[in-house]
Amino acid sequence: MRLFEGTEFDRPPRCEECGELDAECVCPSPEPEWTPPEKQTARIAVEKRKRGKKVTVVRGLSAAESDLPSLLTTLKSHCGAGGTLKEDEIEIQGEQRDRVRDVLRQIGYRVR
């Protein structure tokens, strides 16, 4: 809610680049700047879920600093398994610790 919303002094928000209304702005969104993999440390763990299923979990990578969806796709294709992204954690089905570690090291991440 804006300060003067609904009054005669109400001014709708405008784009800082082109000056158009935010709803009508066609400026491209800025590209996010990712932290290089060499400066990030990934922590790998294998957890046991219900019914004895094992899941490999990669923690320690921030979603604001890394492109986690593309990293998930890379890990899933190298491991030949399914996976998901939950909050800031990547989960790969099965006990894939060694494969995940190898792929992350090839990309350049530090692994623990």
N, C-alpha and C. Protein backbone atom coordinates (compact mmCIF):
# COMPACT_ATOMS: atom_id res chain seq x y z
N MET A 1 0.84 -1.17 0.00
CA MET A 1 0.00 0.00 0.00
C MET A 1 0.89 1.24 0.00
N ARG A 2 0.61 2.13 -0.93
CA ARG A 2 1.38 3.36 -1.02
C ARG A 2 0.85 4.39 -0.03
N LEU A 3 1.65 5.42 0.22
CA LEU A 3 1.33 6.40 1.24
C LEU A 3 0.02 7.14 0.98
N PHE A 4 -0.18 7.60 -0.24
CA PHE A 4 -1.38 8.38 -0.55
C PHE A 4 -2.34 7.61 -1.44
N GLU A 5 -2.32 6.32 -1.38
CA GLU A 5 -3.16 5.51 -2.26
C GLU A 5 -4.63 5.84 -2.04
N GLY A 6 -5.33 6.11 -3.14
CA GLY A 6 -6.76 6.42 -3.06
C GLY A 6 -7.06 7.89 -2.88
N THR A 7 -6.03 8.74 -2.81
CA THR A 7 -6.26 10.18 -2.66
C THR A 7 -5.89 10.88 -3.96
N GLU A 8 -6.09 12.20 -4.00
CA GLU A 8 -5.75 12.96 -5.20
C GLU A 8 -4.24 13.09 -5.39
N PHE A 9 -3.45 12.80 -4.34
CA PHE A 9 -1.99 12.90 -4.42
C PHE A 9 -1.33 11.56 -4.80
N ASP A 10 -2.15 10.58 -5.08
CA ASP A 10 -1.64 9.25 -5.41
C ASP A 10 -0.92 9.29 -6.75
N ARG A 11 0.32 8.81 -6.76
CA ARG A 11 1.09 8.71 -8.00
C ARG A 11 1.49 7.26 -8.18
N PRO A 12 1.07 6.64 -9.27
CA PRO A 12 1.43 5.24 -9.47
C PRO A 12 2.94 5.09 -9.68
N PRO A 13 3.49 3.96 -9.28
CA PRO A 13 4.95 3.76 -9.41
C PRO A 13 5.38 3.72 -10.87
N ARG A 14 6.55 4.28 -11.14
CA ARG A 14 7.08 4.34 -12.49
C ARG A 14 8.45 3.65 -12.54
N CYS A 15 8.80 3.20 -13.72
CA CYS A 15 10.09 2.55 -13.95
C CYS A 15 11.21 3.59 -13.82
N GLU A 16 12.31 3.22 -13.19
CA GLU A 16 13.43 4.13 -13.02
C GLU A 16 14.22 4.31 -14.32
N GLU A 17 14.15 3.34 -15.22
CA GLU A 17 14.91 3.40 -16.47
C GLU A 17 14.21 4.23 -17.53
N CYS A 18 12.95 3.87 -17.86
CA CYS A 18 12.27 4.52 -18.98
C CYS A 18 11.22 5.54 -18.55
N GLY A 19 10.80 5.55 -17.30
CA GLY A 19 9.83 6.51 -16.82
C GLY A 19 8.38 6.11 -17.06
N GLU A 20 8.15 4.96 -17.69
CA GLU A 20 6.79 4.48 -17.94
C GLU A 20 6.20 3.91 -16.64
N LEU A 21 4.88 3.74 -16.64
CA LEU A 21 4.24 3.08 -15.51
C LEU A 21 4.78 1.66 -15.39
N ASP A 22 4.87 1.15 -14.18
CA ASP A 22 5.41 -0.19 -13.97
C ASP A 22 4.65 -1.25 -14.76
N ALA A 23 3.34 -1.08 -14.89
CA ALA A 23 2.53 -2.05 -15.62
C ALA A 23 2.80 -2.01 -17.12
N GLU A 24 3.25 -0.87 -17.64
CA GLU A 24 3.47 -0.70 -19.07
C GLU A 24 4.94 -0.77 -19.46
N CYS A 25 5.83 -0.91 -18.49
CA CYS A 25 7.28 -0.90 -18.74
C CYS A 25 7.69 -2.13 -19.54
N VAL A 26 8.55 -1.94 -20.54
CA VAL A 26 9.05 -3.04 -21.35
C VAL A 26 10.57 -3.20 -21.21
N CYS A 27 11.16 -2.56 -20.22
CA CYS A 27 12.60 -2.67 -20.00
C CYS A 27 12.94 -4.12 -19.61
N PRO A 28 14.05 -4.65 -20.12
CA PRO A 28 14.44 -6.00 -19.72
C PRO A 28 14.89 -6.01 -18.26
N SER A 29 14.57 -7.09 -17.58
CA SER A 29 14.99 -7.20 -16.18
C SER A 29 16.49 -7.43 -16.14
N PRO A 30 17.17 -6.91 -15.12
CA PRO A 30 18.63 -7.06 -15.06
C PRO A 30 19.01 -8.51 -14.81
N GLU A 31 20.13 -8.91 -15.41
CA GLU A 31 20.63 -10.27 -15.21
C GLU A 31 21.17 -10.40 -13.79
N PRO A 32 20.81 -11.49 -13.10
CA PRO A 32 21.35 -11.67 -11.76
C PRO A 32 22.84 -11.98 -11.81
N GLU A 33 23.56 -11.51 -10.82
CA GLU A 33 24.99 -11.77 -10.75
C GLU A 33 25.21 -12.91 -9.78
N TRP A 34 25.74 -14.02 -10.28
CA TRP A 34 25.98 -15.20 -9.46
C TRP A 34 27.38 -15.15 -8.88
N THR A 35 27.54 -15.70 -7.70
CA THR A 35 28.85 -15.86 -7.09
C THR A 35 29.55 -17.00 -7.80
N PRO A 36 30.82 -16.85 -8.14
CA PRO A 36 31.51 -17.95 -8.83
C PRO A 36 31.55 -19.21 -7.98
N PRO A 37 31.49 -20.39 -8.61
CA PRO A 37 31.49 -21.64 -7.86
C PRO A 37 32.71 -21.83 -6.98
N GLU A 38 33.85 -21.26 -7.38
CA GLU A 38 35.07 -21.43 -6.60
C GLU A 38 34.97 -20.81 -5.21
N LYS A 39 34.06 -19.88 -5.02
CA LYS A 39 33.91 -19.20 -3.73
C LYS A 39 32.78 -19.78 -2.89
N GLN A 40 32.18 -20.88 -3.33
CA GLN A 40 31.07 -21.49 -2.59
C GLN A 40 31.43 -22.90 -2.16
N THR A 41 30.92 -23.31 -1.03
CA THR A 41 31.15 -24.65 -0.52
C THR A 41 29.82 -25.40 -0.43
N ALA A 42 29.77 -26.56 -1.07
CA ALA A 42 28.58 -27.40 -1.03
C ALA A 42 28.80 -28.51 -0.02
N ARG A 43 27.79 -28.80 0.75
CA ARG A 43 27.84 -29.90 1.73
C ARG A 43 26.91 -31.00 1.25
N ILE A 44 27.45 -32.20 1.15
CA ILE A 44 26.69 -33.34 0.64
C ILE A 44 26.40 -34.30 1.78
N ALA A 45 25.17 -34.77 1.87
CA ALA A 45 24.77 -35.73 2.89
C ALA A 45 23.77 -36.71 2.29
N VAL A 46 23.74 -37.91 2.84
CA VAL A 46 22.75 -38.91 2.44
C VAL A 46 21.81 -39.09 3.62
N GLU A 47 20.53 -38.89 3.36
CA GLU A 47 19.52 -39.03 4.42
C GLU A 47 18.61 -40.20 4.10
N LYS A 48 18.13 -40.82 5.14
CA LYS A 48 17.21 -41.94 4.99
C LYS A 48 15.80 -41.41 5.24
N ARG A 49 14.91 -41.65 4.29
CA ARG A 49 13.53 -41.19 4.41
C ARG A 49 12.64 -42.37 4.80
N LYS A 50 11.35 -42.11 4.87
CA LYS A 50 10.44 -43.18 5.26
C LYS A 50 10.47 -44.31 4.25
N ARG A 51 10.17 -45.48 4.73
CA ARG A 51 10.21 -46.73 3.97
C ARG A 51 11.60 -47.06 3.47
N GLY A 52 12.64 -46.55 4.13
CA GLY A 52 14.01 -46.92 3.81
C GLY A 52 14.59 -46.27 2.58
N LYS A 53 13.91 -45.31 1.99
CA LYS A 53 14.42 -44.64 0.79
C LYS A 53 15.57 -43.71 1.18
N LYS A 54 16.61 -43.67 0.34
CA LYS A 54 17.75 -42.79 0.59
C LYS A 54 17.73 -41.64 -0.40
N VAL A 55 18.14 -40.47 0.10
CA VAL A 55 18.15 -39.24 -0.70
C VAL A 55 19.48 -38.55 -0.47
N THR A 56 20.12 -38.10 -1.55
CA THR A 56 21.35 -37.32 -1.45
C THR A 56 20.97 -35.85 -1.43
N VAL A 57 21.43 -35.13 -0.41
CA VAL A 57 21.06 -33.73 -0.22
C VAL A 57 22.30 -32.85 -0.34
N VAL A 58 22.19 -31.79 -1.14
CA VAL A 58 23.27 -30.82 -1.30
C VAL A 58 22.83 -29.54 -0.60
N ARG A 59 23.59 -29.13 0.41
CA ARG A 59 23.27 -27.92 1.19
C ARG A 59 24.41 -26.92 1.07
N GLY A 60 24.16 -25.72 1.56
CA GLY A 60 25.21 -24.71 1.63
C GLY A 60 25.29 -23.79 0.43
N LEU A 61 24.46 -23.99 -0.57
CA LEU A 61 24.45 -23.12 -1.74
C LEU A 61 23.22 -22.22 -1.65
N SER A 62 23.43 -20.93 -1.69
CA SER A 62 22.33 -19.98 -1.58
C SER A 62 21.65 -19.79 -2.93
N ALA A 63 20.34 -19.68 -2.92
CA ALA A 63 19.58 -19.47 -4.15
C ALA A 63 19.86 -18.08 -4.73
N ALA A 64 20.23 -17.13 -3.88
CA ALA A 64 20.52 -15.78 -4.35
C ALA A 64 21.89 -15.70 -5.01
N GLU A 65 22.77 -16.63 -4.69
CA GLU A 65 24.13 -16.60 -5.21
C GLU A 65 24.38 -17.62 -6.31
N SER A 66 23.49 -18.61 -6.47
CA SER A 66 23.70 -19.68 -7.44
C SER A 66 22.45 -19.88 -8.27
N ASP A 67 22.63 -20.45 -9.45
CA ASP A 67 21.51 -20.81 -10.30
C ASP A 67 21.14 -22.26 -9.98
N LEU A 68 20.41 -22.45 -8.88
CA LEU A 68 20.11 -23.80 -8.40
C LEU A 68 19.27 -24.63 -9.36
N PRO A 69 18.27 -24.08 -10.08
CA PRO A 69 17.52 -24.93 -11.01
C PRO A 69 18.38 -25.54 -12.12
N SER A 70 19.32 -24.79 -12.66
CA SER A 70 20.17 -25.37 -13.70
C SER A 70 21.16 -26.36 -13.11
N LEU A 71 21.63 -26.11 -11.89
CA LEU A 71 22.52 -27.07 -11.22
C LEU A 71 21.77 -28.37 -10.93
N LEU A 72 20.51 -28.27 -10.52
CA LEU A 72 19.69 -29.46 -10.29
C LEU A 72 19.56 -30.27 -11.57
N THR A 73 19.30 -29.61 -12.68
CA THR A 73 19.17 -30.30 -13.96
C THR A 73 20.45 -31.03 -14.32
N THR A 74 21.58 -30.38 -14.10
CA THR A 74 22.88 -31.00 -14.40
C THR A 74 23.11 -32.24 -13.53
N LEU A 75 22.84 -32.13 -12.24
CA LEU A 75 23.04 -33.25 -11.33
C LEU A 75 22.12 -34.41 -11.66
N LYS A 76 20.87 -34.13 -11.98
CA LYS A 76 19.91 -35.19 -12.31
C LYS A 76 20.34 -35.94 -13.57
N SER A 77 20.83 -35.21 -14.56
CA SER A 77 21.22 -35.88 -15.80
C SER A 77 22.49 -36.70 -15.62
N HIS A 78 23.43 -36.23 -14.81
CA HIS A 78 24.66 -36.99 -14.57
C HIS A 78 24.42 -38.22 -13.70
N CYS A 79 23.48 -38.11 -12.77
CA CYS A 79 23.20 -39.23 -11.86
C CYS A 79 22.19 -40.20 -12.45
N GLY A 80 21.43 -39.77 -13.43
CA GLY A 80 20.40 -40.63 -13.99
C GLY A 80 19.29 -40.91 -12.99
N ALA A 81 18.97 -39.90 -12.19
CA ALA A 81 17.96 -40.07 -11.15
C ALA A 81 17.10 -38.81 -11.08
N GLY A 82 15.98 -38.92 -10.39
CA GLY A 82 15.11 -37.78 -10.19
C GLY A 82 15.62 -36.91 -9.07
N GLY A 83 15.06 -35.75 -8.95
CA GLY A 83 15.46 -34.85 -7.88
C GLY A 83 14.52 -33.68 -7.79
N THR A 84 14.72 -32.88 -6.75
CA THR A 84 13.87 -31.71 -6.54
C THR A 84 14.66 -30.63 -5.83
N LEU A 85 14.10 -29.45 -5.83
CA LEU A 85 14.69 -28.30 -5.17
C LEU A 85 13.74 -27.88 -4.06
N LYS A 86 14.17 -28.01 -2.81
CA LYS A 86 13.35 -27.62 -1.66
C LYS A 86 14.10 -26.54 -0.90
N GLU A 87 13.52 -25.34 -0.88
CA GLU A 87 14.14 -24.17 -0.26
C GLU A 87 15.51 -23.97 -0.86
N ASP A 88 16.58 -24.03 -0.09
CA ASP A 88 17.93 -23.86 -0.63
C ASP A 88 18.67 -25.19 -0.67
N GLU A 89 17.95 -26.30 -0.75
CA GLU A 89 18.56 -27.62 -0.78
C GLU A 89 18.20 -28.34 -2.07
N ILE A 90 19.18 -29.06 -2.60
CA ILE A 90 18.95 -29.89 -3.78
C ILE A 90 18.88 -31.33 -3.30
N GLU A 91 17.82 -32.03 -3.68
CA GLU A 91 17.65 -33.43 -3.31
C GLU A 91 17.69 -34.29 -4.56
N ILE A 92 18.54 -35.31 -4.54
CA ILE A 92 18.66 -36.27 -5.64
C ILE A 92 18.26 -37.63 -5.09
N GLN A 93 17.43 -38.36 -5.81
CA GLN A 93 16.96 -39.65 -5.34
C GLN A 93 18.10 -40.67 -5.33
N GLY A 94 18.15 -41.45 -4.27
CA GLY A 94 19.14 -42.52 -4.16
C GLY A 94 20.42 -42.05 -3.51
N GLU A 95 21.31 -43.00 -3.30
CA GLU A 95 22.61 -42.71 -2.69
C GLU A 95 23.59 -42.39 -3.82
N GLN A 96 23.70 -41.11 -4.14
CA GLN A 96 24.48 -40.64 -5.27
C GLN A 96 25.65 -39.76 -4.83
N ARG A 97 26.13 -39.94 -3.61
CA ARG A 97 27.13 -39.05 -3.02
C ARG A 97 28.37 -38.89 -3.92
N ASP A 98 28.93 -39.99 -4.41
CA ASP A 98 30.16 -39.93 -5.19
C ASP A 98 29.95 -39.22 -6.52
N ARG A 99 28.87 -39.52 -7.21
CA ARG A 99 28.59 -38.89 -8.50
C ARG A 99 28.36 -37.39 -8.34
N VAL A 100 27.58 -37.02 -7.32
CA VAL A 100 27.30 -35.61 -7.08
C VAL A 100 28.60 -34.88 -6.74
N ARG A 101 29.43 -35.47 -5.92
CA ARG A 101 30.71 -34.86 -5.54
C ARG A 101 31.58 -34.64 -6.78
N ASP A 102 31.66 -35.65 -7.65
CA ASP A 102 32.48 -35.52 -8.86
C ASP A 102 31.97 -34.40 -9.77
N VAL A 103 30.67 -34.32 -9.97
CA VAL A 103 30.10 -33.30 -10.84
C VAL A 103 30.32 -31.91 -10.26
N LEU A 104 30.10 -31.75 -8.96
CA LEU A 104 30.29 -30.44 -8.34
C LEU A 104 31.75 -30.00 -8.42
N ARG A 105 32.68 -30.93 -8.26
CA ARG A 105 34.10 -30.58 -8.36
C ARG A 105 34.47 -30.21 -9.79
N GLN A 106 33.88 -30.88 -10.78
CA GLN A 106 34.15 -30.53 -12.18
C GLN A 106 33.66 -29.12 -12.49
N ILE A 107 32.52 -28.75 -11.92
CA ILE A 107 31.98 -27.41 -12.14
C ILE A 107 32.85 -26.37 -11.45
N GLY A 108 33.45 -26.74 -10.31
CA GLY A 108 34.33 -25.83 -9.61
C GLY A 108 33.96 -25.54 -8.17
N TYR A 109 32.91 -26.18 -7.66
CA TYR A 109 32.51 -25.96 -6.27
C TYR A 109 33.46 -26.66 -5.32
N ARG A 110 33.64 -26.09 -4.13
CA ARG A 110 34.34 -26.79 -3.06
C ARG A 110 33.32 -27.71 -2.40
N VAL A 111 33.73 -28.93 -2.08
CA VAL A 111 32.80 -29.92 -1.56
C VAL A 111 33.26 -30.43 -0.21
N ARG A 112 32.31 -30.56 0.70
CA ARG A 112 32.57 -31.17 2.01
C ARG A 112 31.63 -32.30 2.21
